[in-house]
């Protein structure tokens, strides 16, 4: 098992600029940061989800209907590494990673701010609402199931 992230291990991420479609290491959008943190700290290879991060309709559709979502189970209690889906209106359009650091918070990459670590009250003060917390279940995606069924 990999060591859980702590404040020191997150410092290289903090402040990196948000750039649509960026996957690091110098720039990230929210999905790019989520992929990088899941890989580096939790050894999870998650799929690239090609979309235009500036197209809100595409982002909402991906967070709502993409098959990868089946590998994440909605939970009521957080633990380090959980996916945090966020919204500013009705539908989820943003993702971050829950980390149990300094009482708990979300590491995410925000347009105009870059990579930040915020408590839930900090999220709310910036207009974000948590749509749900999701834990990785390792169930295969539909495409992986189809390949395995052949």
C-alpha atoms as a PDB file:
ATOM      1  CA  UNK A   1       0.000   0.000   0.000  1.00  0.00           C
ATOM      2  CA  UNK A   2       1.228   3.473  -0.853  1.00  0.00           C
ATOM      3  CA  UNK A   3       1.644   6.084   1.894  1.00  0.00           C
ATOM      4  CA  UNK A   4      -1.307   8.428   2.268  1.00  0.00           C
ATOM      5  CA  UNK A   5      -0.735  11.947   1.017  1.00  0.00           C
ATOM      6  CA  UNK A   6       0.172  14.581   3.571  1.00  0.00           C
ATOM      7  CA  UNK A   7       0.598  18.345   3.379  1.00  0.00           C
ATOM      8  CA  UNK A   8       4.237  18.049   2.276  1.00  0.00           C
ATOM      9  CA  UNK A   9       3.484  15.592  -0.517  1.00  0.00           C
ATOM     10  CA  UNK A  10       0.743  17.886  -1.843  1.00  0.00           C
ATOM     11  CA  UNK A  11       2.854  21.036  -1.937  1.00  0.00           C
ATOM     12  CA  UNK A  12       4.148  20.413  -5.499  1.00  0.00           C
ATOM     13  CA  UNK A  13       0.532  20.477  -6.729  1.00  0.00           C
ATOM     14  CA  UNK A  14      -0.692  23.566  -4.871  1.00  0.00           C
ATOM     15  CA  UNK A  15      -0.813  26.672  -7.015  1.00  0.00           C
ATOM     16  CA  UNK A  16      -0.335  24.930 -10.364  1.00  0.00           C
ATOM     17  CA  UNK A  17      -2.448  26.784 -12.925  1.00  0.00           C
ATOM     18  CA  UNK A  18      -5.745  25.456 -14.287  1.00  0.00           C
ATOM     19  CA  UNK A  19      -5.612  24.838 -18.035  1.00  0.00           C
ATOM     20  CA  UNK A  20      -8.432  23.110 -19.930  1.00  0.00           C
ATOM     21  CA  UNK A  21      -7.375  19.560 -20.843  1.00  0.00           C
ATOM     22  CA  UNK A  22      -4.061  19.752 -18.931  1.00  0.00           C
ATOM     23  CA  UNK A  23      -2.778  16.564 -17.316  1.00  0.00           C
ATOM     24  CA  UNK A  24       0.268  17.933 -15.492  1.00  0.00           C
ATOM     25  CA  UNK A  25       2.822  18.222 -14.214  1.00  0.00           C
ATOM     26  CA  UNK A  26       2.852  22.018 -14.692  1.00  0.00           C
ATOM     27  CA  UNK A  27      -0.863  22.619 -15.362  1.00  0.00           C
ATOM     28  CA  UNK A  28      -4.059  20.729 -14.519  1.00  0.00           C
ATOM     29  CA  UNK A  29      -7.764  20.849 -15.106  1.00  0.00           C
ATOM     30  CA  UNK A  30      -9.916  19.129 -12.480  1.00  0.00           C
ATOM     31  CA  UNK A  31      -9.924  15.695 -14.143  1.00  0.00           C
ATOM     32  CA  UNK A  32      -6.190  15.901 -14.886  1.00  0.00           C
ATOM     33  CA  UNK A  33      -5.423  16.598 -11.220  1.00  0.00           C
ATOM     34  CA  UNK A  34      -7.795  13.842 -10.122  1.00  0.00           C
ATOM     35  CA  UNK A  35      -6.033  11.354 -12.447  1.00  0.00           C
ATOM     36  CA  UNK A  36      -2.581  12.408 -11.227  1.00  0.00           C
ATOM     37  CA  UNK A  37      -3.450  12.168  -7.514  1.00  0.00           C
ATOM     38  CA  UNK A  38      -5.225   8.827  -7.923  1.00  0.00           C
ATOM     39  CA  UNK A  39      -2.201   7.412  -9.782  1.00  0.00           C
ATOM     40  CA  UNK A  40       0.524   8.852  -7.546  1.00  0.00           C
ATOM     41  CA  UNK A  41      -1.012   8.219  -4.139  1.00  0.00           C
ATOM     42  CA  UNK A  42      -3.486   5.368  -4.678  1.00  0.00           C
ATOM     43  CA  UNK A  43      -1.945   3.463  -7.612  1.00  0.00           C
ATOM     44  CA  UNK A  44      -5.175   3.732  -9.604  1.00  0.00           C
ATOM     45  CA  UNK A  45      -4.980   3.923 -13.377  1.00  0.00           C
ATOM     46  CA  UNK A  46      -8.156   5.713 -14.330  1.00  0.00           C
ATOM     47  CA  UNK A  47      -9.190   6.324 -17.924  1.00  0.00           C
ATOM     48  CA  UNK A  48      -8.730   9.497 -19.842  1.00  0.00           C
ATOM     49  CA  UNK A  49     -12.122  11.005 -20.583  1.00  0.00           C
ATOM     50  CA  UNK A  50     -11.717  13.120 -23.699  1.00  0.00           C
ATOM     51  CA  UNK A  51     -13.865  16.216 -23.588  1.00  0.00           C
ATOM     52  CA  UNK A  52     -13.665  19.969 -23.872  1.00  0.00           C
ATOM     53  CA  UNK A  53     -13.289  21.154 -20.263  1.00  0.00           C
ATOM     54  CA  UNK A  54     -14.678  24.539 -21.310  1.00  0.00           C
ATOM     55  CA  UNK A  55     -17.889  22.974 -22.643  1.00  0.00           C
ATOM     56  CA  UNK A  56     -20.130  22.731 -19.582  1.00  0.00           C
ATOM     57  CA  UNK A  57     -22.642  20.462 -21.324  1.00  0.00           C
ATOM     58  CA  UNK A  58     -19.892  17.919 -22.175  1.00  0.00           C
ATOM     59  CA  UNK A  59     -18.504  18.041 -18.638  1.00  0.00           C
ATOM     60  CA  UNK A  60     -21.916  17.513 -17.027  1.00  0.00           C
ATOM     61  CA  UNK A  61     -22.668  14.637 -19.411  1.00  0.00           C
ATOM     62  CA  UNK A  62     -19.323  12.964 -18.612  1.00  0.00           C
ATOM     63  CA  UNK A  63     -19.778  13.252 -14.837  1.00  0.00           C
ATOM     64  CA  UNK A  64     -23.345  12.015 -15.074  1.00  0.00           C
ATOM     65  CA  UNK A  65     -23.191   9.210 -17.648  1.00  0.00           C
ATOM     66  CA  UNK A  66     -19.614   8.022 -18.288  1.00  0.00           C
ATOM     67  CA  UNK A  67     -19.111   4.257 -17.618  1.00  0.00           C
ATOM     68  CA  UNK A  68     -16.193   5.031 -15.264  1.00  0.00           C
ATOM     69  CA  UNK A  69     -18.741   6.252 -12.756  1.00  0.00           C
ATOM     70  CA  UNK A  70     -19.827   2.614 -12.225  1.00  0.00           C
ATOM     71  CA  UNK A  71     -16.502   1.902 -10.506  1.00  0.00           C
ATOM     72  CA  UNK A  72     -17.265   4.472  -7.802  1.00  0.00           C
ATOM     73  CA  UNK A  73     -19.828   3.833  -5.060  1.00  0.00           C
ATOM     74  CA  UNK A  74     -21.622   6.750  -3.421  1.00  0.00           C
ATOM     75  CA  UNK A  75     -20.940   6.827   0.338  1.00  0.00           C
ATOM     76  CA  UNK A  76     -21.897   8.975   3.295  1.00  0.00           C
ATOM     77  CA  UNK A  77     -18.568   8.826   5.161  1.00  0.00           C
ATOM     78  CA  UNK A  78     -15.383  10.196   3.608  1.00  0.00           C
ATOM     79  CA  UNK A  79     -11.974   8.592   3.496  1.00  0.00           C
ATOM     80  CA  UNK A  80      -8.739   9.707   1.913  1.00  0.00           C
ATOM     81  CA  UNK A  81      -8.773   9.251  -1.861  1.00  0.00           C
ATOM     82  CA  UNK A  82     -12.524   9.520  -2.344  1.00  0.00           C
ATOM     83  CA  UNK A  83     -13.867  11.366  -5.357  1.00  0.00           C
ATOM     84  CA  UNK A  84     -15.811  14.508  -4.508  1.00  0.00           C
ATOM     85  CA  UNK A  85     -18.257  15.573  -7.210  1.00  0.00           C
ATOM     86  CA  UNK A  86     -19.166  19.243  -6.988  1.00  0.00           C
ATOM     87  CA  UNK A  87     -21.644  21.584  -8.586  1.00  0.00           C
ATOM     88  CA  UNK A  88     -22.413  25.284  -8.686  1.00  0.00           C
ATOM     89  CA  UNK A  89     -25.841  24.770 -10.165  1.00  0.00           C
ATOM     90  CA  UNK A  90     -28.029  21.686 -10.504  1.00  0.00           C
ATOM     91  CA  UNK A  91     -25.589  19.223 -12.090  1.00  0.00           C
ATOM     92  CA  UNK A  92     -22.093  18.030 -11.114  1.00  0.00           C
ATOM     93  CA  UNK A  93     -19.442  19.684 -13.252  1.00  0.00           C
ATOM     94  CA  UNK A  94     -16.289  19.459 -11.128  1.00  0.00           C
ATOM     95  CA  UNK A  95     -14.252  16.829  -9.294  1.00  0.00           C
ATOM     96  CA  UNK A  96     -11.716  16.803  -6.499  1.00  0.00           C
ATOM     97  CA  UNK A  97     -10.075  14.360  -4.111  1.00  0.00           C
ATOM     98  CA  UNK A  98     -11.000  14.101  -0.432  1.00  0.00           C
ATOM     99  CA  UNK A  99      -7.937  14.052   1.820  1.00  0.00           C
ATOM    100  CA  UNK A 100      -7.829  13.608   5.595  1.00  0.00           C
ATOM    101  CA  UNK A 101      -5.365  16.444   6.154  1.00  0.00           C
ATOM    102  CA  UNK A 102      -5.898  19.185   8.760  1.00  0.00           C
ATOM    103  CA  UNK A 103      -9.404  17.978   9.549  1.00  0.00           C
ATOM    104  CA  UNK A 104     -10.245  16.993   5.976  1.00  0.00           C
ATOM    105  CA  UNK A 105     -10.714  18.817   2.720  1.00  0.00           C
ATOM    106  CA  UNK A 106     -10.730  18.644  -1.044  1.00  0.00           C
ATOM    107  CA  UNK A 107      -7.787  18.998  -3.392  1.00  0.00           C
ATOM    108  CA  UNK A 108      -9.051  20.286  -6.729  1.00  0.00           C
ATOM    109  CA  UNK A 109      -8.071  22.434  -9.689  1.00  0.00           C
ATOM    110  CA  UNK A 110     -10.295  25.414 -10.323  1.00  0.00           C
ATOM    111  CA  UNK A 111     -10.454  27.686 -13.349  1.00  0.00           C
ATOM    112  CA  UNK A 112      -8.932  31.104 -12.459  1.00  0.00           C
ATOM    113  CA  UNK A 113      -7.420  29.765  -9.191  1.00  0.00           C
ATOM    114  CA  UNK A 114      -5.469  26.639 -10.103  1.00  0.00           C
ATOM    115  CA  UNK A 115      -4.838  23.790  -7.671  1.00  0.00           C
ATOM    116  CA  UNK A 116      -6.135  24.485  -4.174  1.00  0.00           C
ATOM    117  CA  UNK A 117      -6.875  22.540  -1.005  1.00  0.00           C
ATOM    118  CA  UNK A 118     -10.102  23.665   0.656  1.00  0.00           C
ATOM    119  CA  UNK A 119     -12.247  22.625   3.572  1.00  0.00           C
ATOM    120  CA  UNK A 120     -15.917  22.079   2.854  1.00  0.00           C
ATOM    121  CA  UNK A 121     -16.739  25.504   4.304  1.00  0.00           C
ATOM    122  CA  UNK A 122     -14.139  27.008   1.952  1.00  0.00           C
ATOM    123  CA  UNK A 123     -15.840  25.278  -0.973  1.00  0.00           C
ATOM    124  CA  UNK A 124     -19.217  26.667   0.034  1.00  0.00           C
ATOM    125  CA  UNK A 125     -17.873  30.199   0.375  1.00  0.00           C
ATOM    126  CA  UNK A 126     -16.651  29.957  -3.237  1.00  0.00           C
ATOM    127  CA  UNK A 127     -20.025  28.771  -4.518  1.00  0.00           C
ATOM    128  CA  UNK A 128     -19.351  25.026  -4.719  1.00  0.00           C
ATOM    129  CA  UNK A 129     -21.745  22.433  -3.349  1.00  0.00           C
ATOM    130  CA  UNK A 130     -20.875  18.770  -2.892  1.00  0.00           C
ATOM    131  CA  UNK A 131     -23.056  16.579  -5.100  1.00  0.00           C
ATOM    132  CA  UNK A 132     -21.662  13.392  -3.589  1.00  0.00           C
ATOM    133  CA  UNK A 133     -18.703  11.491  -2.186  1.00  0.00           C
ATOM    134  CA  UNK A 134     -17.648   8.344  -4.054  1.00  0.00           C
ATOM    135  CA  UNK A 135     -15.279   5.526  -3.123  1.00  0.00           C
ATOM    136  CA  UNK A 136     -13.429   3.439  -5.665  1.00  0.00           C
ATOM    137  CA  UNK A 137     -14.800  -0.118  -5.890  1.00  0.00           C
ATOM    138  CA  UNK A 138     -12.540  -1.582  -8.592  1.00  0.00           C
ATOM    139  CA  UNK A 139     -15.520  -2.986 -10.500  1.00  0.00           C
ATOM    140  CA  UNK A 140     -14.627  -3.081 -14.198  1.00  0.00           C
ATOM    141  CA  UNK A 141     -16.079  -0.552 -16.569  1.00  0.00           C
ATOM    142  CA  UNK A 142     -18.571  -1.672 -19.229  1.00  0.00           C
ATOM    143  CA  UNK A 143     -15.839  -1.662 -21.888  1.00  0.00           C
ATOM    144  CA  UNK A 144     -13.600  -3.834 -19.674  1.00  0.00           C
ATOM    145  CA  UNK A 145     -16.501  -6.224 -19.056  1.00  0.00           C
ATOM    146  CA  UNK A 146     -17.148  -6.518 -22.799  1.00  0.00           C
ATOM    147  CA  UNK A 147     -13.475  -7.357 -23.451  1.00  0.00           C
ATOM    148  CA  UNK A 148     -13.446  -9.927 -20.634  1.00  0.00           C
ATOM    149  CA  UNK A 149     -16.663 -11.549 -21.896  1.00  0.00           C
ATOM    150  CA  UNK A 150     -15.178 -12.315 -25.327  1.00  0.00           C
END
